[in-house]
Amino acid sequence: MRMKTTLAILIALMAMPAATVMRAQRANAPGERTDVTMQRLMEDAARHHRGKVSLYAKALRTGQTVAIDPDTPVNTASVIKVAIMLEAMYQVKDGRISLDDMLTLRKQDQVSGSGVLLLFRTPAPINFESALALMITQSDNTAANLVLAHVGRERVNARLRSLGFPLTTSIRPIGHSDQGDQSPELKPFGIGRTTAREMAGILEAIDRCDLGDAALCARMIDIMEHQFWRNCIPHFLEDSDTTEVASHIANKTGSLDHVRNDVGLVYTKDGPIVIAAFTYDNADTSWTPENEAELLIARMARTLVAGWAPHGLGAERALK
């Protein structure tokens, strides 16, 4: 009887699409458990940092975790763009908007900071999917505002609440401190607020494809794998030209003078690892590859991957 049951399960799994099987495996992964040795290593690294650290990391296959102040609200900087992208894909799936929608870039839409749309001659037509890609890969602030206006900030926040993330919030457009939520609770966080645990949860939801559309989930991961800024999580993990070869790290950075953040999915031969690292009140405010906070995140990521994925980066992805 047991053999018949096992055979039936195997037949059912073989009939499922690969992405569905992988999502089922992720959903049935072991419960979370603190890796005591790794926890000590992370705490020791954070203790010597000239600033504050909030961290949550999890090996999705084994359930091993580490956490440092994971529920402390932090300034997202550009990391909030991941949540905006996620809402955009939900709306595409629901048919509310389309990746083929055309947006109009006007002079008044252009804002300073990272990105290339600031340099475009206006008015200019911008494809919505292209704006999404620029928002993540280049951390383009102008593109982020175009996307946010198209999907609606309130809808981003409503989605986050419905998914079980009560603190993560898109507060206002970039470069417009007089707009958005002006409440005293949120205003100090700039354009976005989150916690390390919640942002890790958002990334895990993308990896599991809770959205329920494998193509759209794969597109989100693909866009993040082409993220241009590699100073933090990927720093010591990848030594190849990821414009020429596939990356195994889907990440999004967020930086201000006193803030350096990076969140990402690291795909390894031992299963995916989610890392959400936030640093703030940093003494080193330099914008060089040797920035202390960025190197701290890079070293933490290297230690986590070395401990949890001894076989190195690999090709396991739920959706590809």
Protein backbone atom coordinates (compact mmCIF):
# COMPACT_ATOMS: atom_id res chain seq x y z
CA MET A 1 0.00 0.00 0.00
CA ARG A 2 2.82 2.37 0.90
CA MET A 3 4.55 1.66 -2.43
CA LYS A 4 1.34 2.46 -4.33
CA THR A 5 0.96 5.74 -2.45
CA THR A 6 4.57 6.70 -3.12
CA LEU A 7 4.19 5.82 -6.79
CA ALA A 8 1.04 7.93 -7.03
CA ILE A 9 2.84 10.90 -5.50
CA LEU A 10 5.76 10.53 -7.92
CA ILE A 11 3.41 10.34 -10.91
CA ALA A 12 1.58 13.45 -9.70
CA LEU A 13 4.83 15.35 -9.27
CA MET A 14 6.03 14.34 -12.73
CA ALA A 15 2.81 15.69 -14.21
CA MET A 16 3.28 19.08 -12.56
CA PRO A 17 5.14 21.95 -14.24
CA ALA A 18 8.66 22.33 -12.81
CA ALA A 19 7.85 25.72 -11.30
CA THR A 20 4.83 24.28 -9.48
CA VAL A 21 6.92 21.44 -8.06
CA MET A 22 9.60 23.86 -6.87
CA ARG A 23 7.01 26.11 -5.21
CA ALA A 24 5.55 23.10 -3.43
CA GLN A 25 8.99 22.13 -2.19
CA ARG A 26 9.59 25.68 -0.94
CA ALA A 27 6.23 25.69 0.85
CA ASN A 28 7.08 22.41 2.60
CA ALA A 29 10.59 23.50 3.61
CA PRO A 30 11.64 22.90 7.23
CA GLY A 31 10.60 25.44 9.83
CA GLU A 32 12.92 28.26 10.78
CA ARG A 33 15.67 27.57 13.28
CA THR A 34 18.49 29.81 14.43
CA ASP A 35 21.96 28.77 13.32
CA VAL A 36 23.74 29.47 16.61
CA THR A 37 27.26 29.44 15.19
CA MET A 38 26.35 31.70 12.29
CA GLN A 39 24.43 33.98 14.64
CA ARG A 40 27.58 34.53 16.70
CA LEU A 41 29.59 35.34 13.58
CA MET A 42 27.03 37.89 12.39
CA GLU A 43 26.74 39.52 15.80
CA ASP A 44 30.52 39.78 16.08
CA ALA A 45 30.74 41.48 12.68
CA ALA A 46 27.95 43.91 13.56
CA ARG A 47 29.47 44.68 16.95
CA HIS A 48 32.59 46.11 15.33
CA HIS A 49 30.72 48.22 12.80
CA ARG A 50 30.66 51.99 13.23
CA GLY A 51 26.93 52.21 12.76
CA LYS A 52 23.74 50.24 13.33
CA VAL A 53 22.82 46.96 11.67
CA SER A 54 19.53 45.20 11.04
CA LEU A 55 19.80 41.78 9.42
CA TYR A 56 17.66 38.80 8.58
CA ALA A 57 18.94 35.88 6.52
CA LYS A 58 17.50 32.45 5.83
CA ALA A 59 18.57 29.33 3.97
CA LEU A 60 15.30 28.44 2.29
CA ARG A 61 16.02 24.72 1.87
CA THR A 62 17.03 24.04 5.49
CA GLY A 63 15.26 26.81 7.42
CA GLN A 64 18.48 28.01 9.09
CA THR A 65 18.25 31.67 10.07
CA VAL A 66 20.21 34.51 11.61
CA ALA A 67 18.77 37.79 12.83
CA ILE A 68 20.02 41.07 14.26
CA ASP A 69 17.29 43.53 15.24
CA PRO A 70 15.16 42.09 12.43
CA ASP A 71 11.95 43.84 13.50
CA THR A 72 13.39 47.34 13.91
CA PRO A 73 11.84 49.74 11.36
CA VAL A 74 14.50 51.02 8.96
CA ASN A 75 14.84 53.46 6.08
CA THR A 76 14.54 51.48 2.86
CA ALA A 77 16.11 54.02 0.55
CA SER A 78 15.77 52.43 -2.92
CA VAL A 79 15.03 48.94 -1.56
CA ILE A 80 11.34 49.97 -1.52
CA LYS A 81 11.46 49.66 -5.31
CA VAL A 82 11.21 45.87 -4.89
CA ALA A 83 7.79 46.26 -3.28
CA ILE A 84 6.71 48.66 -6.03
CA MET A 85 7.79 46.14 -8.69
CA LEU A 86 5.89 43.36 -6.92
CA GLU A 87 2.67 45.39 -6.92
CA ALA A 88 3.17 46.20 -10.59
CA MET A 89 3.37 42.50 -11.43
CA TYR A 90 0.22 41.74 -9.42
CA GLN A 91 -1.62 44.39 -11.43
CA VAL A 92 -0.25 42.98 -14.69
CA LYS A 93 -1.46 39.52 -13.69
CA ASP A 94 -4.90 40.92 -12.79
CA GLY A 95 -5.13 42.75 -16.13
CA ARG A 96 -5.33 46.18 -14.53
CA ILE A 97 -2.21 47.34 -16.39
CA SER A 98 0.08 45.88 -19.05
CA LEU A 99 3.82 45.62 -19.45
CA ASP A 100 3.18 47.15 -22.88
CA ASP A 101 1.63 50.33 -21.44
CA MET A 102 3.31 53.49 -22.66
CA LEU A 103 4.17 56.24 -20.18
CA THR A 104 5.07 59.82 -21.04
CA LEU A 105 8.25 61.22 -19.51
CA ARG A 106 7.88 64.97 -18.95
CA LYS A 107 10.47 67.50 -17.84
CA GLN A 108 8.76 67.85 -14.46
CA ASP A 109 9.01 64.08 -13.93
CA GLN A 110 12.81 64.07 -13.94
CA VAL A 111 14.39 63.92 -10.49
CA SER A 112 18.01 63.85 -9.38
CA GLY A 113 19.93 60.85 -8.13
CA SER A 114 20.66 57.53 -9.76
CA GLY A 115 19.41 56.57 -13.19
CA VAL A 116 19.48 57.66 -16.81
CA LEU A 117 16.00 59.03 -17.49
CA LEU A 118 17.15 62.30 -15.92
CA LEU A 119 19.27 62.76 -19.06
CA PHE A 120 16.51 62.06 -21.59
CA ARG A 121 15.12 64.76 -23.82
CA THR A 122 11.48 65.37 -23.00
CA PRO A 123 8.74 64.66 -23.71
CA ALA A 124 9.61 61.02 -24.38
CA PRO A 125 7.57 57.81 -24.51
CA ILE A 126 8.71 55.14 -22.04
CA ASN A 127 7.51 51.56 -22.14
CA PHE A 128 6.23 50.44 -18.72
CA GLU A 129 8.30 47.24 -18.62
CA SER A 130 11.37 49.28 -19.53
CA ALA A 131 10.61 51.67 -16.68
CA LEU A 132 10.38 48.69 -14.30
CA ALA A 133 13.74 47.37 -15.49
CA LEU A 134 15.39 50.78 -15.13
CA MET A 135 13.89 51.24 -11.65
CA ILE A 136 15.61 48.06 -10.44
CA THR A 137 18.73 47.58 -12.57
CA GLN A 138 19.85 51.21 -12.54
CA SER A 139 17.87 52.21 -9.43
CA ASP A 140 16.51 54.96 -11.69
CA ASN A 141 14.64 57.42 -9.48
CA THR A 142 12.70 59.00 -12.32
CA ALA A 143 11.62 55.56 -13.55
CA ALA A 144 10.56 54.64 -10.00
CA ASN A 145 8.29 57.69 -9.79
CA LEU A 146 6.75 56.89 -13.18
CA VAL A 147 6.06 53.31 -12.10
CA LEU A 148 4.71 54.40 -8.71
CA ALA A 149 2.35 56.90 -10.34
CA HIS A 150 1.12 54.22 -12.76
CA VAL A 151 0.38 51.57 -10.12
CA GLY A 152 -0.59 53.88 -7.23
CA ARG A 153 1.21 54.23 -3.91
CA GLU A 154 -1.92 53.33 -1.94
CA ARG A 155 -2.25 50.11 -3.92
CA VAL A 156 1.37 49.20 -3.17
CA ASN A 157 0.72 49.59 0.56
CA ALA A 158 -2.62 47.79 0.44
CA ARG A 159 -0.94 44.85 -1.27
CA LEU A 160 1.80 44.72 1.33
CA ARG A 161 -0.78 44.60 4.11
CA SER A 162 -2.71 41.85 2.36
CA LEU A 163 0.47 39.80 2.04
CA GLY A 164 1.18 40.10 5.75
CA PHE A 165 3.73 42.92 5.83
CA PRO A 166 2.27 45.55 8.20
CA LEU A 167 5.30 47.84 8.44
CA THR A 168 6.72 47.96 4.93
CA THR A 169 5.42 51.16 3.37
CA SER A 170 5.92 53.24 0.24
CA ILE A 171 5.79 56.72 1.78
CA ARG A 172 6.23 59.19 -1.06
CA PRO A 173 7.69 59.71 -4.55
CA ILE A 174 11.43 60.34 -4.74
CA GLY A 175 12.43 63.99 -4.69
CA HIS A 176 9.02 65.18 -3.50
CA SER A 177 9.18 65.52 0.28
CA ASP A 178 5.94 67.55 0.24
CA GLN A 179 3.93 64.66 -1.24
CA GLY A 180 2.74 61.28 0.02
CA ASP A 181 2.27 60.39 3.66
CA GLN A 182 3.24 63.32 5.88
CA SER A 183 2.54 61.59 9.18
CA PRO A 184 5.18 62.09 11.91
CA GLU A 185 5.48 58.31 12.21
CA LEU A 186 6.59 57.83 8.59
CA LYS A 187 8.20 61.09 7.49
CA PRO A 188 11.61 60.34 9.08
CA PHE A 189 11.95 57.25 6.85
CA GLY A 190 12.06 59.18 3.58
CA ILE A 191 10.59 57.28 0.64
CA GLY A 192 10.06 53.96 2.40
CA ARG A 193 10.00 51.99 5.63
CA THR A 194 10.48 48.29 6.25
CA THR A 195 12.15 45.78 8.55
CA ALA A 196 14.80 43.22 7.70
CA ARG A 197 12.40 40.37 8.46
CA GLU A 198 9.61 41.79 6.31
CA MET A 199 11.85 42.53 3.34
CA ALA A 200 13.27 39.02 3.54
CA GLY A 201 9.69 37.77 3.53
CA ILE A 202 8.91 39.77 0.40
CA LEU A 203 11.89 38.23 -1.38
CA GLU A 204 10.89 34.77 -0.21
CA ALA A 205 7.38 35.36 -1.59
CA ILE A 206 8.90 36.29 -4.95
CA ASP A 207 11.04 33.13 -4.93
CA ARG A 208 8.00 30.97 -4.05
CA CYS A 209 5.99 32.84 -6.68
CA ASP A 210 3.06 33.57 -4.38
CA LEU A 211 1.94 35.81 -7.25
CA GLY A 212 0.95 32.61 -9.08
CA ASP A 213 2.31 33.55 -12.50
CA ALA A 214 5.62 31.82 -13.21
CA ALA A 215 6.54 34.06 -16.14
CA LEU A 216 6.05 37.26 -14.16
CA CYS A 217 7.93 35.89 -11.15
CA ALA A 218 10.79 34.80 -13.38
CA ARG A 219 10.84 38.28 -14.91
CA MET A 220 11.19 39.90 -11.48
CA ILE A 221 14.10 37.64 -10.58
CA ASP A 222 15.71 38.18 -13.98
CA ILE A 223 15.51 41.96 -13.58
CA MET A 224 17.05 41.82 -10.10
CA GLU A 225 19.83 39.55 -11.36
CA HIS A 226 20.77 42.35 -13.76
CA GLN A 227 20.97 44.92 -10.96
CA PHE A 228 23.97 47.13 -11.73
CA TRP A 229 25.21 47.91 -8.22
CA ARG A 230 27.30 44.94 -6.99
CA ASN A 231 29.17 46.49 -4.03
CA CYS A 232 27.33 44.68 -1.25
CA ILE A 233 25.89 41.14 -1.33
CA PRO A 234 27.55 40.13 -4.65
CA HIS A 235 30.90 41.80 -3.83
CA PHE A 236 32.86 38.70 -2.76
CA LEU A 237 30.51 36.09 -4.25
CA GLU A 238 30.77 36.79 -7.97
CA ASP A 239 33.91 37.41 -9.97
CA SER A 240 32.45 37.10 -13.46
CA ASP A 241 31.13 39.79 -15.79
CA THR A 242 27.40 39.38 -15.15
CA THR A 243 26.62 41.41 -18.27
CA GLU A 244 28.04 38.46 -20.22
CA VAL A 245 27.23 35.44 -18.02
CA ALA A 246 24.24 34.66 -15.83
CA SER A 247 24.22 35.99 -12.29
CA HIS A 248 23.05 33.84 -9.40
CA ILE A 249 22.24 36.83 -7.20
CA ALA A 250 18.97 38.74 -7.54
CA ASN A 251 19.40 41.81 -5.38
CA LYS A 252 18.42 45.44 -4.85
CA THR A 253 20.49 48.04 -3.07
CA GLY A 254 19.42 51.24 -1.34
CA SER A 255 21.86 53.95 -0.36
CA LEU A 256 21.99 57.37 1.27
CA ASP A 257 24.94 59.08 2.93
CA HIS A 258 24.35 57.41 6.30
CA VAL A 259 22.37 54.43 4.95
CA ARG A 260 23.64 51.40 3.00
CA ASN A 261 21.26 48.51 2.36
CA ASP A 262 21.14 45.43 0.18
CA VAL A 263 18.53 42.69 -0.06
CA GLY A 264 18.72 39.68 -2.31
CA LEU A 265 18.13 36.08 -3.24
CA VAL A 266 21.37 34.14 -3.60
CA TYR A 267 20.86 30.97 -5.65
CA THR A 268 23.27 28.20 -4.66
CA LYS A 269 23.71 24.49 -5.30
CA ASP A 270 22.52 23.99 -1.71
CA GLY A 271 19.33 25.99 -2.20
CA PRO A 272 18.43 29.67 -2.19
CA ILE A 273 19.54 32.01 0.57
CA VAL A 274 17.63 35.20 1.27
CA ILE A 275 19.58 38.09 2.79
CA ALA A 276 18.12 41.40 3.95
CA ALA A 277 20.81 43.69 5.35
CA PHE A 278 20.23 47.28 6.46
CA THR A 279 22.82 49.63 7.95
CA TYR A 280 22.18 53.15 9.19
CA ASP A 281 23.71 55.91 11.29
CA ASN A 282 26.94 54.89 9.60
CA ALA A 283 30.11 56.80 10.45
CA ASP A 284 31.53 56.22 6.95
CA THR A 285 29.48 58.25 4.48
CA SER A 286 31.91 57.90 1.57
CA TRP A 287 30.78 56.84 -1.88
CA THR A 288 33.68 54.55 -2.69
CA PRO A 289 33.99 50.77 -3.14
CA GLU A 290 35.67 50.69 0.28
CA ASN A 291 32.67 52.08 2.16
CA GLU A 292 32.62 50.36 5.57
CA ALA A 293 28.93 49.49 5.60
CA GLU A 294 28.97 48.08 2.07
CA LEU A 295 32.00 45.94 2.90
CA LEU A 296 30.31 44.78 6.10
CA ILE A 297 27.29 43.54 4.12
CA ALA A 298 29.63 41.93 1.58
CA ARG A 299 31.55 40.06 4.28
CA MET A 300 28.36 38.96 5.99
CA ALA A 301 27.03 37.61 2.69
CA ARG A 302 30.29 35.77 2.04
CA THR A 303 30.20 34.18 5.47
CA LEU A 304 26.55 33.17 5.14
CA VAL A 305 27.06 31.55 1.74
CA ALA A 306 30.25 29.78 2.82
CA GLY A 307 28.47 28.31 5.84
CA TRP A 308 25.13 27.46 4.31
CA ALA A 309 26.12 26.65 0.73
CA PRO A 310 29.50 24.86 0.75
CA HIS A 311 29.01 23.78 -2.86
CA GLY A 312 28.87 27.37 -4.05
CA LEU A 313 26.59 29.36 -6.30
CA GLY A 314 24.39 27.30 -8.55
CA ALA A 315 21.45 27.19 -10.87
CA GLU A 316 18.58 26.24 -8.58
CA ARG A 317 15.72 28.61 -9.26
CA ALA A 318 12.04 28.05 -8.71
CA LEU A 319 10.96 29.64 -11.95
CA LYS A 320 13.56 29.20 -14.66
